[in-house]
Amino acid sequence: MAKPILCVGTYAKKPYHIDKIGRNVYCIEELCYLIVQNAFLLDEDSFDKELFDWIAAECSLDRLADDLRKMYSKKCSIASMAGTILDYVGYNSKKEVDKTEEILRASAGMDDYKKRLSRADFLMNNGRYSMAFKEYEYLLNNTPEVDRKLRARIEHNEGVMYAKLFLFERAEKMFMQAFEHGRDRESYIQYLAAIRMRLSKRDYVAFIADNEDAYEASLELEKRMNEAEDLYSASDDKHTLGTISVYKAESKMHEYYEQVGKQTEALKLEYRNLIKDKISDSRR
């Protein structure tokens, strides 16, 4: 059984919106959780007088708010202020607090360009695609003389996000641009993968036949596809779908509908979380 957590302060009637993360928080524990989970996204603007006033007025934590105001006036680092909040509340483990402070100290030494790139990568790796696209596009449009290698990296990552959103035609375009700028074979393989997902098997084979340069890369892609298929065949998802098919074939309708219901609820929950993220991202 998990250790119970004693909450600090009061539950806010009016939430505080963390602009860099795109989230509303209603209590100090929720603030701590988001600081730790999204340290890469925070910067000096994330800790200001508005936050301190909210901590005092809505969470009834006047002492913590006063300490933060003093630190702010002395121009203390964001890592120090975050550490003060986390230590005061005691919601997170020491390991999490130390790691968060380490991340914030490291990002403080970065210029705005490196911060945005690190933030974009973090957002992409955590499935926050809408916000990641904004950061990548900002870098491409507002950074003078972006070198070809970096442009290729950004375009490749955008291709990955489009593919995960099943927008294969857009993914195909971004992977090809990435290959043209960086000449990285991996971008070309992913370009073929996007084409393979978009076209029928017959049309894809015809495409490879008409493009001799694509032949060797297509062999590597097929090898990866076969490996992925083998992994899926051994996965719990494959086993569950197989069980559902057996129930239906054997007319065990009670078990069939029970399993279908469980899978449907799991997909609904995943969809709701995805939509919640997209709504929060769009409000930034």
Foldseek 3Di string as FASTA:
>chain_A
DDDDADFAFAFFPDWDAQQQQLDTGGELLVVLVCLLVQLLSDAPVRQDLVVLVCCCPGRVCPVLSVVSVVCVVVVHFPLVNSLSSCVVGVNDDPVSNVVSSVSRVVLHPDDPLVSLVSNLVSCLVVVLPLLSVVSLVCNVVPPPPDALQVQLVSLQSNLVNCVVVVVLVSSLVSLVSSCVSNVDLVSVLSNLVSVPSVDDPVVSVVVCVVPVVCVVSVVVNVVVVVVVVVVVCPDPVVVLVVVLVVCVVVVVVVVNVVSVVVVVVVVVVVVVVSVVSVVSSVVD
